[in-house]
Protein backbone atom coordinates (compact mmCIF):
# COMPACT_ATOMS: atom_id res chain seq x y z
CA MET A 1 -15.27 -16.25 -7.89
CA ALA A 2 -14.34 -12.61 -8.35
CA ILE A 3 -15.52 -10.63 -11.36
CA VAL A 4 -12.37 -9.17 -12.87
CA ALA A 5 -12.54 -5.85 -14.73
CA PRO A 6 -9.22 -4.63 -16.15
CA SER A 7 -9.14 -0.83 -16.17
CA PHE A 8 -8.20 0.60 -19.55
CA LEU A 9 -7.00 3.75 -17.82
CA SER A 10 -3.70 1.84 -17.57
CA ALA A 11 -3.74 0.46 -21.12
CA ASN A 12 -1.30 1.55 -23.82
CA PHE A 13 -3.39 3.66 -26.17
CA LEU A 14 -0.77 3.33 -28.92
CA THR A 15 -1.56 -0.40 -28.94
CA LEU A 16 -5.17 -0.30 -27.78
CA GLU A 17 -6.30 -2.97 -30.23
CA ALA A 18 -3.68 -5.37 -28.87
CA ASP A 19 -4.74 -4.66 -25.28
CA CYS A 20 -8.39 -5.30 -26.21
CA LYS A 21 -7.35 -8.60 -27.81
CA MET A 22 -5.39 -9.60 -24.70
CA VAL A 23 -8.35 -8.93 -22.40
CA ASN A 24 -10.71 -10.74 -24.78
CA GLU A 25 -8.48 -13.82 -24.70
CA SER A 26 -8.09 -13.68 -20.91
CA GLU A 27 -10.41 -14.81 -18.12
CA ALA A 28 -11.48 -11.20 -17.48
CA ASP A 29 -15.21 -10.62 -17.26
CA TRP A 30 -15.61 -6.89 -17.90
CA PHE A 31 -13.84 -4.01 -19.62
CA HIS A 32 -13.67 -1.14 -17.11
CA LEU A 33 -13.67 2.24 -18.87
CA ASP A 34 -12.95 5.41 -16.88
CA VAL A 35 -14.32 8.65 -18.28
CA MET A 36 -12.89 11.84 -16.72
CA ASP A 37 -13.73 15.44 -17.60
CA GLY A 38 -11.05 17.52 -15.88
CA ARG A 39 -13.72 19.14 -13.70
CA PHE A 40 -15.03 16.50 -11.33
CA VAL A 41 -11.53 15.01 -11.22
CA PRO A 42 -8.16 16.62 -12.11
CA ASN A 43 -7.61 14.56 -15.24
CA ILE A 44 -9.10 14.07 -18.72
CA THR A 45 -9.30 10.66 -20.36
CA PHE A 46 -11.70 9.76 -23.19
CA GLY A 47 -15.35 9.86 -24.17
CA PRO A 48 -18.00 8.00 -26.18
CA MET A 49 -15.94 7.82 -29.39
CA ILE A 50 -13.21 5.66 -27.81
CA ILE A 51 -15.80 3.52 -26.04
CA ASP A 52 -17.54 2.96 -29.37
CA PHE A 53 -14.26 1.65 -30.82
CA ILE A 54 -13.71 -0.62 -27.81
CA ARG A 55 -17.29 -1.88 -27.96
CA LYS A 56 -16.69 -3.05 -31.53
CA ALA A 57 -13.61 -4.95 -30.33
CA THR A 58 -15.29 -7.06 -27.64
CA THR A 59 -18.42 -8.95 -26.68
CA LYS A 60 -17.56 -8.67 -22.98
CA VAL A 61 -19.38 -6.32 -20.63
CA CYS A 62 -18.42 -2.66 -21.04
CA ASP A 63 -18.45 -1.20 -17.54
CA VAL A 64 -18.33 2.58 -17.93
CA HIS A 65 -17.44 4.74 -14.92
CA LEU A 66 -18.30 8.42 -15.35
CA MET A 67 -16.16 10.77 -13.28
CA ILE A 68 -17.84 13.85 -14.73
CA VAL A 69 -20.18 16.64 -13.73
CA GLU A 70 -23.69 16.81 -15.19
CA PRO A 71 -23.64 13.17 -16.36
CA GLU A 72 -27.30 13.38 -17.41
CA LYS A 73 -26.22 15.36 -20.48
CA TYR A 74 -24.20 12.42 -21.82
CA VAL A 75 -26.06 9.27 -20.73
CA GLU A 76 -27.65 8.72 -24.15
CA ASP A 77 -24.25 9.15 -25.85
CA PHE A 78 -22.70 6.43 -23.70
CA LYS A 79 -25.65 4.15 -24.35
CA LYS A 80 -25.16 4.61 -28.11
CA ALA A 81 -21.44 3.98 -27.68
CA GLY A 82 -22.17 0.57 -26.15
CA ALA A 83 -22.08 0.86 -22.38
CA ASP A 84 -23.67 -2.10 -20.59
CA ILE A 85 -23.21 -0.66 -17.10
CA LEU A 86 -23.11 3.08 -16.50
CA THR A 87 -21.91 4.35 -13.13
CA VAL A 88 -22.26 7.94 -11.96
CA HIS A 89 -20.80 9.55 -8.85
CA LEU A 90 -23.14 10.39 -5.98
CA GLU A 91 -21.07 13.52 -5.39
CA ALA A 92 -21.67 14.73 -8.98
CA CYS A 93 -25.45 14.23 -9.03
CA THR A 94 -27.82 16.81 -7.57
CA HIS A 95 -30.79 14.58 -8.45
CA LEU A 96 -29.29 11.11 -8.08
CA HIS A 97 -32.56 9.17 -8.28
CA ARG A 98 -33.40 10.93 -11.55
CA ASN A 99 -29.96 9.99 -12.93
CA ILE A 100 -30.46 6.35 -11.97
CA GLU A 101 -33.89 6.23 -13.60
CA GLN A 102 -32.50 7.80 -16.78
CA ILE A 103 -29.78 5.16 -17.05
CA LYS A 104 -32.18 2.28 -16.47
CA SER A 105 -34.77 3.67 -18.89
CA LEU A 106 -32.20 3.31 -21.67
CA GLY A 107 -31.64 -0.37 -20.89
CA MET A 108 -28.32 -0.12 -19.07
CA GLN A 109 -27.50 -1.33 -15.58
CA ALA A 110 -27.11 1.59 -13.18
CA GLY A 111 -24.22 2.02 -10.80
CA VAL A 112 -23.39 4.67 -8.21
CA ALA A 113 -19.81 5.45 -7.19
CA LEU A 114 -18.64 6.81 -3.84
CA ASN A 115 -15.47 8.79 -3.22
CA PRO A 116 -13.32 7.78 -0.22
CA HIS A 117 -14.85 10.43 2.08
CA THR A 118 -18.48 9.49 1.32
CA PRO A 119 -20.12 7.03 3.75
CA VAL A 120 -22.04 4.08 2.33
CA GLU A 121 -25.06 5.19 4.39
CA ALA A 122 -25.56 7.97 1.85
CA LEU A 123 -26.97 5.29 -0.49
CA LYS A 124 -29.70 4.15 1.89
CA GLU A 125 -32.59 5.66 -0.08
CA VAL A 126 -31.48 4.45 -3.52
CA LEU A 127 -29.75 1.15 -2.82
CA HIS A 128 -32.79 -0.83 -3.96
CA ASP A 129 -32.79 1.04 -7.30
CA ILE A 130 -29.22 0.30 -8.40
CA ASP A 131 -27.39 -2.71 -9.76
CA LEU A 132 -23.92 -1.83 -8.56
CA VAL A 133 -22.04 0.29 -6.04
CA LEU A 134 -18.52 1.31 -6.96
CA ILE A 135 -16.39 2.17 -3.94
CA MET A 136 -13.37 4.28 -4.77
CA SER A 137 -10.43 2.89 -2.81
CA VAL A 138 -8.23 5.79 -3.95
CA ASN A 139 -9.03 9.42 -4.66
CA PRO A 140 -10.33 9.47 -8.25
CA GLY A 141 -8.39 10.94 -11.13
CA PHE A 142 -5.21 8.92 -11.58
CA GLY A 143 -4.11 5.29 -11.75
CA GLY A 144 -1.30 3.73 -9.77
CA GLN A 145 -2.34 5.01 -6.34
CA LYS A 146 -2.10 3.10 -3.05
CA PHE A 147 -5.21 1.34 -1.72
CA ILE A 148 -6.90 3.14 1.20
CA GLN A 149 -7.16 0.53 3.97
CA GLN A 150 -10.34 1.97 5.49
CA THR A 151 -12.09 0.81 2.32
CA LEU A 152 -12.27 -2.70 3.75
CA GLN A 153 -14.58 -1.53 6.54
CA LYS A 154 -16.70 0.39 4.01
CA ILE A 155 -17.11 -2.81 1.98
CA THR A 156 -18.17 -4.73 5.09
CA ASN A 157 -20.67 -2.03 6.05
CA LEU A 158 -22.14 -1.87 2.56
CA ARG A 159 -22.37 -5.64 2.24
CA ARG A 160 -24.30 -5.72 5.52
CA MET A 161 -26.74 -3.09 4.21
CA ILE A 162 -27.26 -5.04 0.98
CA ASP A 163 -27.78 -8.36 2.76
CA GLU A 164 -30.18 -6.87 5.30
CA LYS A 165 -32.35 -5.55 2.46
CA GLY A 166 -32.18 -8.86 0.60
CA LEU A 167 -30.71 -7.20 -2.50
CA ALA A 168 -28.41 -8.54 -5.21
CA THR A 169 -26.49 -5.28 -5.68
CA LYS A 170 -22.87 -5.88 -6.67
CA ILE A 171 -19.96 -4.15 -4.92
CA GLU A 172 -17.12 -3.03 -7.17
CA ILE A 173 -13.75 -1.81 -5.89
CA ASP A 174 -11.71 0.62 -7.95
CA GLY A 175 -8.22 1.80 -7.03
CA GLY A 176 -5.02 0.20 -5.81
CA VAL A 177 -6.23 -3.40 -6.23
CA THR A 178 -3.31 -5.85 -6.22
CA LEU A 179 -2.79 -9.59 -6.03
CA GLN A 180 -1.82 -9.07 -2.40
CA ASN A 181 -4.90 -7.18 -1.19
CA ALA A 182 -7.53 -8.67 -3.51
CA PRO A 183 -8.27 -11.65 -1.19
CA ASP A 184 -9.06 -9.27 1.69
CA ILE A 185 -11.26 -7.17 -0.60
CA ILE A 186 -13.28 -10.18 -1.68
CA LYS A 187 -13.44 -11.54 1.88
CA ALA A 188 -14.85 -8.19 3.06
CA GLY A 189 -17.78 -8.66 0.66
CA ALA A 190 -16.86 -7.23 -2.74
CA HIS A 191 -17.79 -8.89 -6.04
CA VAL A 192 -15.89 -6.93 -8.70
CA LEU A 193 -12.16 -6.13 -8.81
CA VAL A 194 -11.09 -3.25 -11.03
CA ALA A 195 -7.39 -3.65 -11.75
CA GLY A 196 -5.37 -1.24 -13.89
CA ASN A 197 -1.63 -1.19 -13.30
CA THR A 198 -1.80 -4.60 -11.64
CA VAL A 199 -2.91 -6.08 -14.97
CA PHE A 200 -1.47 -3.87 -17.69
CA LYS A 201 1.94 -3.28 -16.09
CA SER A 202 2.51 -6.93 -15.18
CA LYS A 203 4.90 -9.16 -17.11
CA ASP A 204 2.08 -11.57 -17.96
CA PRO A 205 -1.29 -9.75 -17.88
CA LYS A 206 -3.32 -12.85 -18.77
CA ASP A 207 -1.79 -14.80 -15.89
CA THR A 208 -2.38 -11.90 -13.50
CA ILE A 209 -6.05 -11.82 -14.53
CA ALA A 210 -6.25 -15.60 -14.03
CA GLN A 211 -4.83 -15.24 -10.52
CA LEU A 212 -7.37 -12.52 -9.65
CA LYS A 213 -10.13 -14.68 -11.10
CA LYS A 214 -9.26 -17.58 -8.77
CA ILE A 215 -9.90 -15.52 -5.64
CA THR A 216 -12.97 -16.71 -3.74
CA ARG A 217 -14.67 -15.56 -0.57
């Protein structure tokens, strides 16, 4: 079954406690938390303080996605805030292996994200060191974008690389995930579905999460 990670980028921050409660009561597995700095991506969201509040509101996995430059300066802050998984962008890391080792040394799972233009082959030398690969299926920075169809082939290629190496690395898809395309995403080889507008803008978010959760390969 798919791992479902509602993206709080699409939550209503005036009623954040209620949205946390809804996700807690749903079949969702993870809280997906997007951190943007206005430099790596053209948007600014939130930082460790908000994640600390969310961490206190849930026992579910806090999956933190850093869309920031110089992430090494803030890794310890996100650990203290309660991140279980910390994902950095390959494109933002001059010394990616060092970043991965820093994250793991603090007891978090390490993820690496790829923008749409970055081939999965760029991960060849670090794939065995990471727990998760996040493939951006839209250009990062804003919610509500349309899924890039070429992502399906990227998922297939990455899954082949993982299987050939005998690894257990999870594949997470972030951007434009809907009830309509989620089956194809899982069939291509993904494990984790990040869903923002699809969940939080639906008439019945809990039911939408349940439908995503039912999807199997």
